[in-house]
N, C-alpha and C. Protein backbone atom coordinates (compact mmCIF):
# COMPACT_ATOMS: atom_id res chain seq x y z
N MET A 1 -9.92 -21.42 1.34
CA MET A 1 -8.80 -20.58 1.52
C MET A 1 -9.20 -19.39 2.37
N THR A 2 -8.40 -19.15 3.34
CA THR A 2 -8.67 -17.99 4.30
C THR A 2 -7.78 -16.82 3.78
N LEU A 3 -8.45 -15.68 3.61
CA LEU A 3 -7.74 -14.46 3.10
C LEU A 3 -7.15 -13.71 4.31
N ASP A 4 -5.93 -13.25 4.12
CA ASP A 4 -5.24 -12.56 5.13
C ASP A 4 -5.83 -11.13 5.43
N SER A 5 -5.56 -10.65 6.59
CA SER A 5 -5.77 -9.23 6.95
C SER A 5 -4.85 -8.92 8.12
N ALA A 6 -4.63 -7.54 8.35
CA ALA A 6 -3.79 -7.20 9.41
C ALA A 6 -4.07 -5.81 9.86
N GLU A 7 -4.02 -5.62 11.19
CA GLU A 7 -4.09 -4.27 11.73
C GLU A 7 -2.69 -3.68 11.76
N ARG A 8 -2.52 -2.39 11.36
CA ARG A 8 -1.24 -1.77 11.39
C ARG A 8 -1.35 -0.45 12.21
N PRO A 9 -0.28 0.15 12.63
CA PRO A 9 -0.31 1.42 13.35
C PRO A 9 -1.10 2.54 12.55
N TRP A 10 -0.99 2.44 11.23
CA TRP A 10 -1.60 3.46 10.35
C TRP A 10 -3.06 3.20 9.92
N GLY A 11 -3.51 1.87 10.19
CA GLY A 11 -4.85 1.47 9.78
C GLY A 11 -4.88 -0.04 9.63
N SER A 12 -5.35 -0.50 8.45
CA SER A 12 -5.44 -1.93 8.23
C SER A 12 -5.46 -2.29 6.80
N TRP A 13 -5.24 -3.60 6.51
CA TRP A 13 -5.45 -4.10 5.08
C TRP A 13 -6.12 -5.39 5.20
N HIS A 14 -6.90 -5.72 4.14
CA HIS A 14 -7.61 -6.95 4.03
C HIS A 14 -7.49 -7.48 2.60
N VAL A 15 -7.05 -8.72 2.45
CA VAL A 15 -6.99 -9.34 1.06
C VAL A 15 -8.43 -9.66 0.65
N LEU A 16 -8.77 -9.14 -0.56
CA LEU A 16 -10.17 -9.43 -1.03
C LEU A 16 -10.15 -10.63 -2.04
N ASP A 17 -8.99 -10.83 -2.68
CA ASP A 17 -8.91 -11.93 -3.66
C ASP A 17 -7.38 -12.12 -3.99
N GLU A 18 -6.98 -13.27 -4.23
CA GLU A 18 -5.65 -13.56 -4.73
C GLU A 18 -5.57 -14.81 -5.58
N GLY A 19 -4.66 -14.84 -6.48
CA GLY A 19 -4.42 -15.97 -7.33
C GLY A 19 -3.09 -15.90 -7.94
N GLN A 20 -2.79 -16.74 -8.95
CA GLN A 20 -1.48 -16.85 -9.55
C GLN A 20 -1.11 -15.47 -10.15
N GLY A 21 -0.11 -14.77 -9.57
CA GLY A 21 0.38 -13.54 -10.18
C GLY A 21 -0.35 -12.27 -9.75
N TYR A 22 -1.36 -12.37 -8.81
CA TYR A 22 -2.00 -11.15 -8.43
C TYR A 22 -2.58 -11.24 -7.02
N LYS A 23 -2.77 -10.11 -6.43
CA LYS A 23 -3.46 -10.02 -5.08
C LYS A 23 -4.24 -8.69 -5.08
N VAL A 24 -5.47 -8.73 -4.51
CA VAL A 24 -6.29 -7.51 -4.41
C VAL A 24 -6.54 -7.27 -2.87
N LYS A 25 -6.20 -6.04 -2.43
CA LYS A 25 -6.34 -5.65 -1.05
C LYS A 25 -7.24 -4.42 -0.91
N ARG A 26 -7.96 -4.34 0.18
CA ARG A 26 -8.60 -3.08 0.64
C ARG A 26 -7.70 -2.47 1.72
N ILE A 27 -7.25 -1.32 1.54
CA ILE A 27 -6.35 -0.65 2.52
C ILE A 27 -7.10 0.56 3.15
N GLN A 28 -7.14 0.61 4.45
CA GLN A 28 -7.81 1.65 5.12
C GLN A 28 -6.75 2.39 5.91
N VAL A 29 -6.62 3.79 5.77
CA VAL A 29 -5.63 4.59 6.36
C VAL A 29 -6.30 5.61 7.22
N LYS A 30 -5.96 5.58 8.54
CA LYS A 30 -6.52 6.48 9.47
C LYS A 30 -6.17 7.95 9.19
N PRO A 31 -6.99 8.88 9.59
CA PRO A 31 -6.61 10.36 9.36
C PRO A 31 -5.29 10.68 9.97
N GLY A 32 -4.50 11.44 9.22
CA GLY A 32 -3.19 11.83 9.75
C GLY A 32 -2.09 10.77 9.73
N GLN A 33 -2.36 9.57 9.15
CA GLN A 33 -1.37 8.57 9.16
C GLN A 33 -0.83 8.31 7.77
N ARG A 34 0.30 7.55 7.69
CA ARG A 34 0.86 7.16 6.40
C ARG A 34 1.60 5.82 6.56
N LEU A 35 1.68 5.16 5.42
CA LEU A 35 2.39 3.90 5.34
C LEU A 35 3.85 4.16 5.17
N SER A 36 4.68 3.18 5.30
CA SER A 36 6.14 3.37 5.13
C SER A 36 6.43 3.68 3.69
N TYR A 37 7.58 4.41 3.50
CA TYR A 37 8.08 4.67 2.17
C TYR A 37 8.84 3.35 1.77
N GLN A 38 8.45 2.65 0.74
CA GLN A 38 8.93 1.32 0.47
C GLN A 38 9.05 1.05 -0.99
N THR A 39 9.73 -0.09 -1.27
CA THR A 39 9.82 -0.64 -2.67
C THR A 39 9.48 -2.08 -2.66
N HIS A 40 9.21 -2.66 -3.77
CA HIS A 40 8.96 -4.08 -3.98
C HIS A 40 9.84 -4.62 -5.11
N LYS A 41 10.45 -5.72 -4.94
CA LYS A 41 11.23 -6.31 -6.02
C LYS A 41 10.46 -7.14 -7.05
N HIS A 42 9.31 -7.63 -6.67
CA HIS A 42 8.58 -8.64 -7.46
C HIS A 42 7.15 -8.25 -7.94
N ARG A 43 6.75 -7.05 -7.56
CA ARG A 43 5.36 -6.70 -7.98
C ARG A 43 5.20 -5.23 -8.22
N SER A 44 4.22 -4.94 -9.12
CA SER A 44 3.78 -3.55 -9.33
C SER A 44 2.40 -3.46 -8.59
N GLU A 45 1.96 -2.20 -8.35
CA GLU A 45 0.75 -1.97 -7.68
C GLU A 45 -0.12 -0.98 -8.44
N HIS A 46 -1.38 -1.08 -8.36
CA HIS A 46 -2.39 -0.17 -9.03
C HIS A 46 -3.35 0.14 -7.89
N TRP A 47 -3.36 1.41 -7.51
CA TRP A 47 -4.24 1.88 -6.38
C TRP A 47 -5.44 2.61 -6.99
N VAL A 48 -6.69 2.24 -6.54
CA VAL A 48 -7.88 2.95 -6.85
C VAL A 48 -8.41 3.53 -5.60
N ILE A 49 -8.62 4.85 -5.57
CA ILE A 49 -9.18 5.58 -4.43
C ILE A 49 -10.59 5.35 -4.30
N ILE A 50 -11.15 4.85 -3.21
CA ILE A 50 -12.59 4.52 -3.04
C ILE A 50 -13.24 5.63 -2.28
N PHE A 51 -12.57 6.06 -1.14
CA PHE A 51 -13.15 7.10 -0.21
C PHE A 51 -12.04 7.86 0.39
N GLY A 52 -12.15 9.19 0.40
CA GLY A 52 -11.13 10.01 1.03
C GLY A 52 -10.19 10.61 -0.02
N ILE A 53 -9.11 11.28 0.42
CA ILE A 53 -8.17 11.83 -0.46
C ILE A 53 -6.77 11.23 -0.12
N ALA A 54 -6.10 10.68 -1.09
CA ALA A 54 -4.78 10.04 -0.96
C ALA A 54 -3.72 10.96 -1.42
N THR A 55 -2.77 11.22 -0.53
CA THR A 55 -1.55 11.99 -0.97
C THR A 55 -0.44 10.92 -1.04
N CYS A 56 -0.01 10.66 -2.26
CA CYS A 56 0.90 9.58 -2.55
C CYS A 56 2.27 10.16 -3.03
N VAL A 57 3.39 9.49 -2.60
CA VAL A 57 4.63 9.79 -3.13
C VAL A 57 5.14 8.61 -3.89
N ILE A 58 5.54 8.80 -5.19
CA ILE A 58 6.00 7.82 -6.05
C ILE A 58 7.32 8.35 -6.59
N ASP A 59 8.41 7.65 -6.18
CA ASP A 59 9.77 8.02 -6.58
C ASP A 59 10.06 9.55 -6.39
N GLY A 60 9.60 10.07 -5.20
CA GLY A 60 9.82 11.48 -4.90
C GLY A 60 8.79 12.40 -5.41
N GLU A 61 7.91 12.02 -6.27
CA GLU A 61 6.89 12.85 -6.86
C GLU A 61 5.60 12.75 -6.09
N THR A 62 4.96 13.81 -5.61
CA THR A 62 3.70 13.84 -4.82
C THR A 62 2.52 13.87 -5.81
N ILE A 63 1.59 12.98 -5.61
CA ILE A 63 0.38 12.85 -6.37
C ILE A 63 -0.83 12.87 -5.46
N VAL A 64 -1.80 13.74 -5.65
CA VAL A 64 -2.98 13.75 -4.79
C VAL A 64 -4.11 13.21 -5.63
N ALA A 65 -4.89 12.21 -5.11
CA ALA A 65 -5.98 11.54 -5.86
C ALA A 65 -7.11 11.42 -4.98
N GLY A 66 -8.32 11.55 -5.59
CA GLY A 66 -9.63 11.35 -4.86
C GLY A 66 -10.39 10.19 -5.41
N PRO A 67 -11.59 10.00 -4.88
CA PRO A 67 -12.45 8.86 -5.29
C PRO A 67 -12.60 8.69 -6.78
N GLY A 68 -12.36 7.50 -7.30
CA GLY A 68 -12.50 7.12 -8.68
C GLY A 68 -11.25 7.32 -9.41
N GLU A 69 -10.23 7.99 -8.80
CA GLU A 69 -8.96 8.12 -9.49
C GLU A 69 -8.01 6.99 -9.14
N SER A 70 -6.93 6.78 -9.96
CA SER A 70 -6.07 5.65 -9.76
C SER A 70 -4.60 6.07 -9.96
N ILE A 71 -3.70 5.36 -9.30
CA ILE A 71 -2.31 5.61 -9.42
C ILE A 71 -1.60 4.31 -9.62
N ASP A 72 -0.61 4.27 -10.58
CA ASP A 72 0.16 3.09 -10.84
C ASP A 72 1.59 3.21 -10.24
N VAL A 73 2.03 2.09 -9.68
CA VAL A 73 3.34 2.03 -9.04
C VAL A 73 4.09 0.92 -9.71
N ALA A 74 5.16 1.26 -10.43
CA ALA A 74 6.00 0.24 -11.14
C ALA A 74 6.84 -0.59 -10.24
N VAL A 75 7.20 -1.73 -10.67
CA VAL A 75 8.08 -2.61 -9.88
C VAL A 75 9.32 -1.84 -9.54
N GLY A 76 9.74 -1.84 -8.25
CA GLY A 76 10.97 -1.18 -7.81
C GLY A 76 10.80 0.28 -7.52
N ALA A 77 9.65 0.97 -7.79
CA ALA A 77 9.50 2.30 -7.53
C ALA A 77 9.28 2.51 -6.00
N ALA A 78 9.89 3.50 -5.46
CA ALA A 78 9.71 3.91 -4.08
C ALA A 78 8.32 4.62 -3.91
N HIS A 79 7.55 4.20 -2.89
CA HIS A 79 6.14 4.71 -2.87
C HIS A 79 5.63 4.72 -1.41
N ARG A 80 4.68 5.62 -1.22
CA ARG A 80 4.04 5.83 0.08
C ARG A 80 2.64 6.35 -0.09
N ILE A 81 1.70 5.91 0.78
CA ILE A 81 0.35 6.46 0.76
C ILE A 81 0.19 7.22 2.09
N THR A 82 -0.30 8.47 2.02
CA THR A 82 -0.56 9.31 3.19
C THR A 82 -1.96 9.76 3.24
N ASN A 83 -2.56 9.77 4.40
CA ASN A 83 -3.94 10.40 4.64
C ASN A 83 -3.74 11.65 5.38
N GLU A 84 -3.68 12.80 4.75
CA GLU A 84 -3.50 14.10 5.38
C GLU A 84 -4.80 14.80 5.85
N HIS A 85 -5.90 14.03 5.68
CA HIS A 85 -7.22 14.65 5.86
C HIS A 85 -7.90 14.07 7.19
N SER A 86 -9.10 14.56 7.48
CA SER A 86 -9.76 14.15 8.73
C SER A 86 -10.72 12.96 8.52
N GLU A 87 -10.91 12.46 7.35
CA GLU A 87 -11.75 11.32 7.10
C GLU A 87 -10.92 10.16 6.70
N GLU A 88 -11.42 8.95 7.00
CA GLU A 88 -10.62 7.70 6.68
C GLU A 88 -10.39 7.71 5.18
N LEU A 89 -9.30 7.06 4.81
CA LEU A 89 -8.94 6.91 3.35
C LEU A 89 -9.09 5.36 3.09
N VAL A 90 -9.82 5.08 2.00
CA VAL A 90 -9.99 3.69 1.60
C VAL A 90 -9.49 3.47 0.13
N ILE A 91 -8.57 2.58 -0.02
CA ILE A 91 -8.03 2.29 -1.34
C ILE A 91 -8.16 0.84 -1.65
N VAL A 92 -8.40 0.52 -2.88
CA VAL A 92 -8.31 -0.88 -3.40
C VAL A 92 -6.97 -0.99 -4.13
N GLU A 93 -6.11 -1.91 -3.63
CA GLU A 93 -4.84 -2.08 -4.25
C GLU A 93 -4.80 -3.38 -5.06
N VAL A 94 -4.35 -3.34 -6.29
CA VAL A 94 -4.15 -4.54 -7.15
C VAL A 94 -2.63 -4.74 -7.36
N GLN A 95 -2.15 -5.82 -6.75
CA GLN A 95 -0.68 -6.16 -6.94
C GLN A 95 -0.62 -7.16 -8.09
N HIS A 96 0.41 -6.97 -8.90
CA HIS A 96 0.63 -7.84 -10.03
C HIS A 96 2.13 -8.18 -10.15
N GLY A 97 2.42 -9.49 -10.16
CA GLY A 97 3.75 -9.90 -10.23
C GLY A 97 3.99 -11.35 -9.91
N ALA A 98 5.08 -11.85 -10.13
CA ALA A 98 5.34 -13.35 -9.88
C ALA A 98 5.25 -13.62 -8.47
N TYR A 99 5.45 -12.65 -7.50
CA TYR A 99 5.40 -12.94 -6.09
C TYR A 99 4.76 -11.74 -5.40
N THR A 100 3.73 -12.04 -4.57
CA THR A 100 3.00 -10.92 -3.89
C THR A 100 2.99 -11.13 -2.45
N GLY A 101 3.98 -11.79 -1.87
CA GLY A 101 4.04 -12.05 -0.44
C GLY A 101 4.36 -10.78 0.34
N GLU A 102 3.94 -10.81 1.63
CA GLU A 102 4.15 -9.66 2.51
C GLU A 102 5.67 -9.41 2.76
N ASP A 103 6.51 -10.36 2.56
CA ASP A 103 7.89 -10.29 2.83
C ASP A 103 8.68 -9.57 1.60
N ASP A 104 7.89 -9.18 0.60
CA ASP A 104 8.47 -8.41 -0.53
C ASP A 104 8.38 -6.90 -0.25
N ILE A 105 8.82 -6.49 0.91
CA ILE A 105 8.77 -5.09 1.30
C ILE A 105 10.18 -4.58 1.72
N CYS A 106 10.66 -3.57 1.07
CA CYS A 106 11.96 -2.98 1.48
C CYS A 106 11.59 -1.59 1.99
N ARG A 107 11.58 -1.43 3.30
CA ARG A 107 11.27 -0.10 3.91
C ARG A 107 12.39 0.83 3.86
N LEU A 108 12.16 2.01 3.25
CA LEU A 108 13.19 3.06 3.14
C LEU A 108 13.06 4.03 4.23
N GLU A 109 11.80 4.21 4.73
CA GLU A 109 11.56 5.15 5.87
C GLU A 109 10.22 4.72 6.46
N ASP A 110 10.13 4.78 7.80
CA ASP A 110 8.97 4.27 8.49
C ASP A 110 8.70 5.13 9.77
N ASP A 111 7.52 5.67 9.94
CA ASP A 111 7.15 6.49 11.09
C ASP A 111 7.02 5.67 12.38
N TYR A 112 6.96 4.37 12.27
CA TYR A 112 6.68 3.49 13.38
C TYR A 112 7.87 2.61 13.81
N GLY A 113 9.07 2.85 13.23
CA GLY A 113 10.28 2.13 13.65
C GLY A 113 10.24 0.64 13.24
N ARG A 114 9.46 0.28 12.25
CA ARG A 114 9.41 -1.13 11.84
C ARG A 114 10.58 -1.38 10.91
N GLU A 115 11.05 -2.67 10.91
CA GLU A 115 12.08 -3.10 9.98
C GLU A 115 11.40 -3.74 8.79
N ASP A 116 12.22 -4.06 7.82
CA ASP A 116 11.66 -4.77 6.58
C ASP A 116 10.99 -6.06 7.03
N GLU A 117 9.94 -6.40 6.26
CA GLU A 117 9.33 -7.69 6.57
C GLU A 117 10.32 -8.83 6.32
N GLU A 118 11.11 -8.69 5.19
CA GLU A 118 12.03 -9.78 4.91
C GLU A 118 13.14 -9.93 5.93
N ALA A 119 13.43 -8.83 6.63
CA ALA A 119 14.44 -8.88 7.69
C ALA A 119 13.95 -9.60 8.89
N LYS A 120 12.59 -9.62 9.09
CA LYS A 120 12.00 -10.31 10.28
C LYS A 120 11.81 -11.80 10.05
N ALA A 121 11.86 -12.17 8.78
CA ALA A 121 11.50 -13.62 8.46
C ALA A 121 12.56 -14.59 8.97
């Protein structure tokens, strides 16, 4: 099985492991960049900060977390990861749910003008 990875305008992600009902990714966010503000219909996410400082917005609430700290994102919660610092941010994301495909992204706001993954399918 080949594990997916992708370069994005904000950094990159790499699948470390996946199986029935879960997926584990390493997410790297470049300094000064942020992911889209988005929701998922089919999965929750658990973020563990490995390196750097994550400034996260979960349903409008800002949470700042550093190495060893973690953040939970419930199914359907609007969320975003931002790197407001000068060093790279590395997060391990554990997705849990019946479906963990990349097309389960509903973008509410995006700095790079991208549409929903499901709209492109």
